[in-house]
Amino acid sequence: MNQTSQNKQILNELYFLRDHQIINENQFNLLCDRYPSSQWNLIILIRWFTILGVLSFLGGMILLLSDHLMLFLSKINLEHLILGVLIFFFLIFTISGRYLTIKGRYTKSGASLELLGMLSLECTFFSLGNMSNKYILDDWPSYLGVSTIVLTAFSYFFKNRLILIASCVNFFIWFGGSTGYMSGWGAYWIGMNYPLRFLFAGLLIWALGYIHYKDYSPLLERFRPFCRVYFHFSLLIIHLAFWFLSLFGNYEWDVRFSDSLGERILFTFLWFLVALMSIYLGTRKNYRVAKSYGLVFAIINIYTAYAQFVIYYTSGVSFLHFLVIGSTLLAIGIKYEKILSSIENKIGS
């Protein structure tokens, strides 16, 4: 029996449990997401088709305004029109998304519409800031920070992970912009350059995800799925920060390469230890997210180290380096395909 057939059997059991009111609709939808029954991931297709459909609709509206309503635009205040359109989109997308989500049968489409409503609200904040302050570009982190707080609040109110993802992206940009703004766009902020400050921010976000995962508070129990968003975001930030440090060291004012060999070796080693720790925790504690990031960035770490510590100093034999990289990549691909094939055979038997 292959994985698809096994998932279909599990789904049949879930339908039975839902029909006999052993589990509720929200639990049913959450469990069904884990067992796709088709070769295509229809959940992702539905989500992206919905987003692309709405964006296409917005594009059509813009073309309509530009082609046929220029005379109308010339007679009114353009800033007020844009603000009104953004508020309209915020209301219509949010209300429509809430309706589909509450209905229970179109939760993915509803979540996508709610996300578009929140993005319209974020644009509304910047539009209001532009109307009240012509120098908004000088203090854009403040407006982005407000948007981050509001989107985070709505993500918990709607229990919408898509909005939380958008909020995390906002936080990434806001944190870099605000710390740069406070330090006069210099390299240092309270003694940390950009990679180090993002490294510590990533550790704090990982701790937040762990709190959601462990359900330390009954209030957080219903938000446990949010831990995946925090784990993904924090691990990505941590590994990217180490990657940057392994390439340039703990630089001060200017990003450098040639005179930071010792620092680059140290951070490459520390990064590899973090990747191994992620693999260990992912295997021991069944944290698949940590294991996946650990495997991917351990491989990236090895190839990065090979590039800057071997290829950089032996550029005269480039053909050999290409042979080594190509053969090892092929070996890794064959090895993992063999592992995947053995897993499928065990499931089938």
Protein backbone atom coordinates (compact mmCIF):
# COMPACT_ATOMS: atom_id res chain seq x y z
CA MET A 1 0.00 0.00 0.00
CA ASN A 2 1.48 3.35 -1.02
CA GLN A 3 1.26 6.58 0.96
CA THR A 4 -1.68 7.94 -1.07
CA SER A 5 -3.82 4.84 -0.47
CA GLN A 6 -2.95 4.91 3.21
CA ASN A 7 -3.96 8.56 3.45
CA LYS A 8 -7.30 7.79 1.79
CA GLN A 9 -8.04 5.17 4.43
CA ILE A 10 -7.17 7.62 7.18
CA LEU A 11 -9.44 10.25 5.60
CA ASN A 12 -12.32 7.76 5.50
CA GLU A 13 -11.86 7.19 9.23
CA LEU A 14 -11.80 10.93 9.82
CA TYR A 15 -15.06 11.36 7.91
CA PHE A 16 -16.57 8.65 10.11
CA LEU A 17 -15.39 10.38 13.29
CA ARG A 18 -16.75 13.74 12.12
CA ASP A 19 -20.11 12.34 11.02
CA HIS A 20 -20.58 10.69 14.42
CA GLN A 21 -19.57 13.96 16.17
CA ILE A 22 -16.53 12.40 17.82
CA ILE A 23 -14.40 15.26 16.47
CA ASN A 24 -15.59 18.73 15.50
CA GLU A 25 -15.25 20.47 12.13
CA ASN A 26 -12.09 22.40 13.04
CA GLN A 27 -10.34 19.25 14.26
CA PHE A 28 -11.45 17.44 11.11
CA ASN A 29 -10.03 20.14 8.82
CA LEU A 30 -6.76 20.30 10.77
CA LEU A 31 -6.23 16.53 10.56
CA CYS A 32 -7.23 16.31 6.88
CA ASP A 33 -4.47 18.79 6.00
CA ARG A 34 -1.90 16.28 7.22
CA TYR A 35 -3.04 13.46 4.94
CA PRO A 36 -3.29 14.60 1.28
CA SER A 37 -5.06 11.95 -0.78
CA SER A 38 -3.96 13.04 -4.26
CA GLN A 39 -0.66 13.28 -6.09
CA TRP A 40 -1.11 17.05 -6.23
CA ASN A 41 -1.21 19.15 -3.10
CA LEU A 42 -4.65 20.63 -3.69
CA ILE A 43 -4.49 22.71 -0.51
CA ILE A 44 -1.57 24.73 -1.84
CA LEU A 45 -3.21 24.99 -5.27
CA ILE A 46 -6.45 26.29 -3.76
CA ARG A 47 -4.63 28.83 -1.65
CA TRP A 48 -2.50 30.18 -4.48
CA PHE A 49 -5.33 30.14 -7.03
CA THR A 50 -7.37 32.22 -4.61
CA ILE A 51 -4.57 34.71 -4.03
CA LEU A 52 -3.71 34.97 -7.73
CA GLY A 53 -7.38 35.33 -8.59
CA VAL A 54 -7.84 38.25 -6.24
CA LEU A 55 -4.61 39.88 -7.42
CA SER A 56 -5.79 39.49 -11.02
CA PHE A 57 -9.06 41.12 -10.03
CA LEU A 58 -7.14 44.00 -8.49
CA GLY A 59 -5.11 44.33 -11.68
CA GLY A 60 -8.30 44.51 -13.72
CA MET A 61 -9.66 47.23 -11.47
CA ILE A 62 -6.45 49.23 -11.85
CA LEU A 63 -6.60 48.91 -15.64
CA LEU A 64 -10.23 49.99 -15.58
CA LEU A 65 -9.36 53.07 -13.56
CA SER A 66 -6.41 53.97 -15.77
CA ASP A 67 -8.21 53.40 -19.09
CA HIS A 68 -11.71 54.75 -18.53
CA LEU A 69 -11.83 56.86 -15.39
CA MET A 70 -8.96 59.32 -15.88
CA LEU A 71 -11.41 62.18 -16.21
CA PHE A 72 -13.00 61.18 -12.92
CA LEU A 73 -9.60 60.98 -11.23
CA SER A 74 -8.67 64.45 -12.42
CA LYS A 75 -11.63 65.94 -10.56
CA ILE A 76 -11.06 64.34 -7.16
CA ASN A 77 -8.26 64.04 -4.62
CA LEU A 78 -6.24 60.98 -5.64
CA GLU A 79 -4.93 60.34 -2.12
CA HIS A 80 -8.45 60.17 -0.71
CA LEU A 81 -9.54 57.87 -3.53
CA ILE A 82 -6.67 55.47 -2.86
CA LEU A 83 -7.46 55.51 0.87
CA GLY A 84 -11.12 54.78 0.19
CA VAL A 85 -10.29 51.90 -2.16
CA LEU A 86 -7.90 50.37 0.36
CA ILE A 87 -10.47 50.57 3.16
CA PHE A 88 -13.06 49.00 0.84
CA PHE A 89 -10.70 46.14 -0.02
CA PHE A 90 -9.88 45.63 3.67
CA LEU A 91 -13.55 45.35 4.59
CA ILE A 92 -14.69 43.23 1.65
CA PHE A 93 -11.79 40.75 1.80
CA THR A 94 -11.87 40.42 5.59
CA ILE A 95 -15.64 39.98 5.81
CA SER A 96 -15.68 37.53 2.88
CA GLY A 97 -12.81 35.55 4.38
CA ARG A 98 -14.48 35.40 7.79
CA TYR A 99 -17.72 34.20 6.21
CA LEU A 100 -16.00 31.38 4.28
CA THR A 101 -13.98 30.35 7.32
CA ILE A 102 -16.98 30.28 9.65
CA LYS A 103 -18.88 28.18 7.11
CA GLY A 104 -16.22 25.54 7.72
CA ARG A 105 -16.03 24.14 4.18
CA TYR A 106 -13.82 26.79 2.58
CA THR A 107 -11.28 27.50 5.31
CA LYS A 108 -8.28 27.70 2.95
CA SER A 109 -9.92 30.20 0.61
CA GLY A 110 -11.22 32.12 3.61
CA ALA A 111 -7.77 32.33 5.17
CA SER A 112 -6.33 33.63 1.88
CA LEU A 113 -8.99 36.34 1.65
CA GLU A 114 -8.36 37.34 5.26
CA LEU A 115 -4.67 37.68 4.43
CA LEU A 116 -5.48 39.97 1.50
CA GLY A 117 -7.69 42.02 3.79
CA MET A 118 -4.82 42.45 6.23
CA LEU A 119 -2.42 43.46 3.44
CA SER A 120 -4.97 46.06 2.35
CA LEU A 121 -5.10 47.31 5.95
CA GLU A 122 -1.31 47.57 6.00
CA CYS A 123 -1.38 49.64 2.82
CA THR A 124 -4.03 51.80 4.49
CA PHE A 125 -1.62 52.62 7.33
CA PHE A 126 1.04 53.75 4.86
CA SER A 127 -1.54 55.73 2.89
CA LEU A 128 -2.65 57.54 6.06
CA GLY A 129 0.98 58.17 6.95
CA ASN A 130 1.66 59.58 3.50
CA MET A 131 -1.31 61.95 3.82
CA SER A 132 -0.24 63.21 7.25
CA ASN A 133 3.52 63.22 6.77
CA LYS A 134 5.19 63.90 3.43
CA TYR A 135 8.46 62.51 4.80
CA ILE A 136 7.13 59.03 5.57
CA LEU A 137 10.17 57.44 3.90
CA ASP A 138 12.36 58.89 6.66
CA ASP A 139 10.50 56.95 9.35
CA TRP A 140 8.94 54.01 7.54
CA PRO A 141 9.93 51.49 10.27
CA SER A 142 7.40 53.10 12.64
CA TYR A 143 4.51 52.49 10.25
CA LEU A 144 5.72 48.96 9.57
CA GLY A 145 5.97 48.33 13.31
CA VAL A 146 2.34 49.36 13.80
CA SER A 147 1.35 47.06 10.93
CA THR A 148 3.28 44.19 12.55
CA ILE A 149 1.44 44.59 15.86
CA VAL A 150 -1.98 44.87 14.20
CA LEU A 151 -1.40 41.88 11.89
CA THR A 152 -0.17 39.76 14.79
CA ALA A 153 -3.29 40.63 16.80
CA PHE A 154 -5.56 39.75 13.87
CA SER A 155 -3.68 36.47 13.25
CA TYR A 156 -4.50 35.33 16.80
CA PHE A 157 -8.05 36.66 16.64
CA PHE A 158 -8.72 34.82 13.36
CA LYS A 159 -6.39 31.87 14.16
CA ASN A 160 -4.88 32.48 10.73
CA ARG A 161 -1.32 31.26 10.13
CA LEU A 162 -1.09 33.09 6.79
CA ILE A 163 -1.53 36.43 8.55
CA LEU A 164 1.05 35.37 11.14
CA ILE A 165 3.53 34.60 8.33
CA ALA A 166 2.95 38.08 6.89
CA SER A 167 3.46 39.53 10.37
CA CYS A 168 6.76 37.65 10.73
CA VAL A 169 7.97 39.03 7.40
CA ASN A 170 6.98 42.51 8.60
CA PHE A 171 8.91 41.93 11.81
CA PHE A 172 12.02 40.91 9.87
CA ILE A 173 11.94 44.14 7.84
CA TRP A 174 10.88 46.31 10.80
CA PHE A 175 13.59 44.95 13.11
CA GLY A 176 16.33 45.56 10.56
CA GLY A 177 14.97 48.99 9.65
CA SER A 178 14.24 50.22 13.17
CA THR A 179 17.59 49.14 14.62
CA GLY A 180 19.32 50.69 11.62
CA TYR A 181 17.29 53.87 12.06
CA MET A 182 18.23 54.14 15.74
CA SER A 183 21.93 53.56 15.00
CA GLY A 184 22.05 56.04 12.16
CA TRP A 185 22.21 53.16 9.67
CA GLY A 186 25.57 52.14 11.07
CA ALA A 187 26.78 48.59 11.44
CA TYR A 188 26.29 48.40 15.21
CA TRP A 189 23.25 48.52 17.49
CA ILE A 190 23.90 47.97 21.24
CA GLY A 191 27.17 46.30 20.27
CA MET A 192 25.76 43.94 17.65
CA ASN A 193 26.06 44.07 13.88
CA TYR A 194 23.17 42.96 11.66
CA PRO A 195 23.85 39.18 11.64
CA LEU A 196 24.34 39.05 15.42
CA ARG A 197 21.19 41.03 16.21
CA PHE A 198 19.14 38.79 13.91
CA LEU A 199 20.75 35.73 15.48
CA PHE A 200 19.55 36.73 18.95
CA ALA A 201 16.15 37.76 17.57
CA GLY A 202 15.86 34.32 15.96
CA LEU A 203 16.61 32.63 19.29
CA LEU A 204 13.86 34.65 21.01
CA ILE A 205 11.36 33.76 18.28
CA TRP A 206 12.32 30.09 18.58
CA ALA A 207 11.62 30.29 22.32
CA LEU A 208 8.22 31.80 21.54
CA GLY A 209 7.47 28.89 19.21
CA TYR A 210 8.57 26.41 21.89
CA ILE A 211 6.16 27.98 24.37
CA HIS A 212 3.33 27.49 21.87
CA TYR A 213 4.44 23.93 21.22
CA LYS A 214 4.55 22.91 24.88
CA ASP A 215 1.13 24.44 25.77
CA TYR A 216 2.40 26.01 28.98
CA SER A 217 -0.84 27.98 29.21
CA PRO A 218 -4.37 26.72 28.47
CA LEU A 219 -4.86 29.98 26.60
CA LEU A 220 -2.12 29.00 24.11
CA GLU A 221 -3.43 25.47 23.53
CA ARG A 222 -5.71 26.56 20.68
CA PHE A 223 -2.77 28.36 19.03
CA ARG A 224 -0.41 25.39 19.02
CA PRO A 225 -0.33 25.26 15.15
CA PHE A 226 1.34 28.68 15.29
CA CYS A 227 4.50 27.02 16.65
CA ARG A 228 5.34 25.80 13.13
CA VAL A 229 5.38 29.37 11.83
CA TYR A 230 7.67 30.51 14.65
CA PHE A 231 9.96 27.48 14.24
CA HIS A 232 10.27 27.97 10.48
CA PHE A 233 10.90 31.69 10.78
CA SER A 234 13.35 31.49 13.69
CA LEU A 235 15.42 28.63 12.25
CA LEU A 236 15.64 30.40 8.89
CA ILE A 237 16.86 33.62 10.55
CA ILE A 238 19.37 31.78 12.78
CA HIS A 239 20.92 29.81 9.93
CA LEU A 240 21.04 32.79 7.58
CA ALA A 241 22.74 34.87 10.29
CA PHE A 242 25.36 32.17 10.82
CA TRP A 243 25.80 31.87 7.05
CA PHE A 244 26.56 35.59 6.78
CA LEU A 245 28.94 35.45 9.76
CA SER A 246 30.73 32.43 8.27
CA LEU A 247 31.33 34.41 5.07
CA PHE A 248 32.45 37.76 6.52
CA GLY A 249 33.13 37.21 10.21
CA ASN A 250 32.01 39.56 12.97
CA TYR A 251 32.69 42.65 10.89
CA GLU A 252 32.68 46.15 12.37
CA TRP A 253 31.96 48.92 9.87
CA ASP A 254 32.86 47.47 6.49
CA VAL A 255 31.98 43.99 5.28
CA ARG A 256 35.31 42.29 4.72
CA PHE A 257 36.60 38.91 3.64
CA SER A 258 40.37 38.77 3.25
CA ASP A 259 41.41 39.66 6.82
CA SER A 260 38.81 37.63 8.76
CA LEU A 261 40.00 34.05 8.24
CA GLY A 262 40.00 33.12 11.94
CA GLU A 263 36.51 34.52 12.55
CA ARG A 264 35.15 32.84 9.45
CA ILE A 265 36.51 29.46 10.55
CA LEU A 266 35.04 29.94 14.04
CA PHE A 267 31.56 30.89 12.80
CA THR A 268 31.61 28.12 10.19
CA PHE A 269 32.31 25.64 12.97
CA LEU A 270 29.63 27.11 15.26
CA TRP A 271 27.11 27.09 12.40
CA PHE A 272 27.85 23.43 11.72
CA LEU A 273 27.31 22.62 15.41
CA VAL A 274 23.93 24.41 15.32
CA ALA A 275 22.96 22.41 12.21
CA LEU A 276 23.99 19.15 13.91
CA MET A 277 22.03 20.14 17.02
CA SER A 278 18.97 20.79 14.86
CA ILE A 279 19.33 17.34 13.30
CA TYR A 280 19.77 15.72 16.72
CA LEU A 281 16.76 17.45 18.26
CA GLY A 282 14.69 16.79 15.17
CA THR A 283 15.51 13.09 15.33
CA ARG A 284 15.37 12.64 19.11
CA LYS A 285 12.31 14.78 19.80
CA ASN A 286 10.57 14.23 16.45
CA TYR A 287 10.86 17.93 15.50
CA ARG A 288 10.70 17.47 11.73
CA VAL A 289 11.08 21.20 11.07
CA ALA A 290 14.36 21.37 13.00
CA LYS A 291 15.65 18.22 11.32
CA SER A 292 14.87 19.54 7.84
CA TYR A 293 16.58 22.87 8.42
CA GLY A 294 19.53 21.14 10.04
CA LEU A 295 20.06 18.81 7.08
CA VAL A 296 19.70 21.54 4.45
CA PHE A 297 21.98 24.05 6.14
CA ALA A 298 24.55 21.42 7.18
CA ILE A 299 24.99 20.65 3.47
CA ILE A 300 25.11 24.38 2.64
CA ASN A 301 27.67 24.85 5.43
CA ILE A 302 29.97 22.16 4.00
CA TYR A 303 29.83 23.56 0.48
CA THR A 304 30.29 27.13 1.73
CA ALA A 305 33.35 26.07 3.73
CA TYR A 306 34.71 24.20 0.73
CA ALA A 307 34.22 27.26 -1.47
CA GLN A 308 35.91 29.80 0.80
CA PHE A 309 38.62 27.66 2.39
CA VAL A 310 39.56 25.38 -0.51
CA ILE A 311 38.39 26.76 -3.85
CA TYR A 312 39.38 30.35 -2.98
CA TYR A 313 43.00 29.34 -2.37
CA THR A 314 43.28 26.74 -5.16
CA SER A 315 41.54 28.41 -8.08
CA GLY A 316 44.07 26.96 -10.53
CA VAL A 317 42.36 23.56 -10.49
CA SER A 318 38.78 24.69 -11.03
CA PHE A 319 37.95 21.57 -13.03
CA LEU A 320 38.69 19.42 -9.98
CA HIS A 321 36.39 21.49 -7.78
CA PHE A 322 33.53 21.17 -10.26
CA LEU A 323 34.06 17.40 -10.37
CA VAL A 324 34.05 17.17 -6.58
CA ILE A 325 30.93 19.33 -6.19
CA GLY A 326 29.06 17.57 -9.00
CA SER A 327 29.89 14.05 -7.82
CA THR A 328 29.01 14.75 -4.18
CA LEU A 329 25.71 16.38 -5.11
CA LEU A 330 24.81 13.38 -7.26
CA ALA A 331 25.78 11.03 -4.42
CA ILE A 332 23.59 12.94 -1.96
CA GLY A 333 20.64 12.88 -4.38
CA ILE A 334 21.00 9.13 -5.01
CA LYS A 335 21.36 8.42 -1.28
CA TYR A 336 18.22 10.31 -0.31
CA GLU A 337 16.23 8.81 -3.17
CA LYS A 338 17.31 5.38 -1.92
CA ILE A 339 16.14 6.27 1.61
CA LEU A 340 12.81 7.54 0.28
CA SER A 341 12.33 4.39 -1.79
CA SER A 342 13.00 2.16 1.22
CA ILE A 343 10.46 4.11 3.29
CA GLU A 344 7.81 3.72 0.59
CA ASN A 345 8.54 -0.04 0.38
CA LYS A 346 8.09 -0.40 4.16
CA ILE A 347 4.77 1.44 4.00
CA GLY A 348 3.65 -0.73 1.09
CA SER A 349 4.46 -3.92 2.93
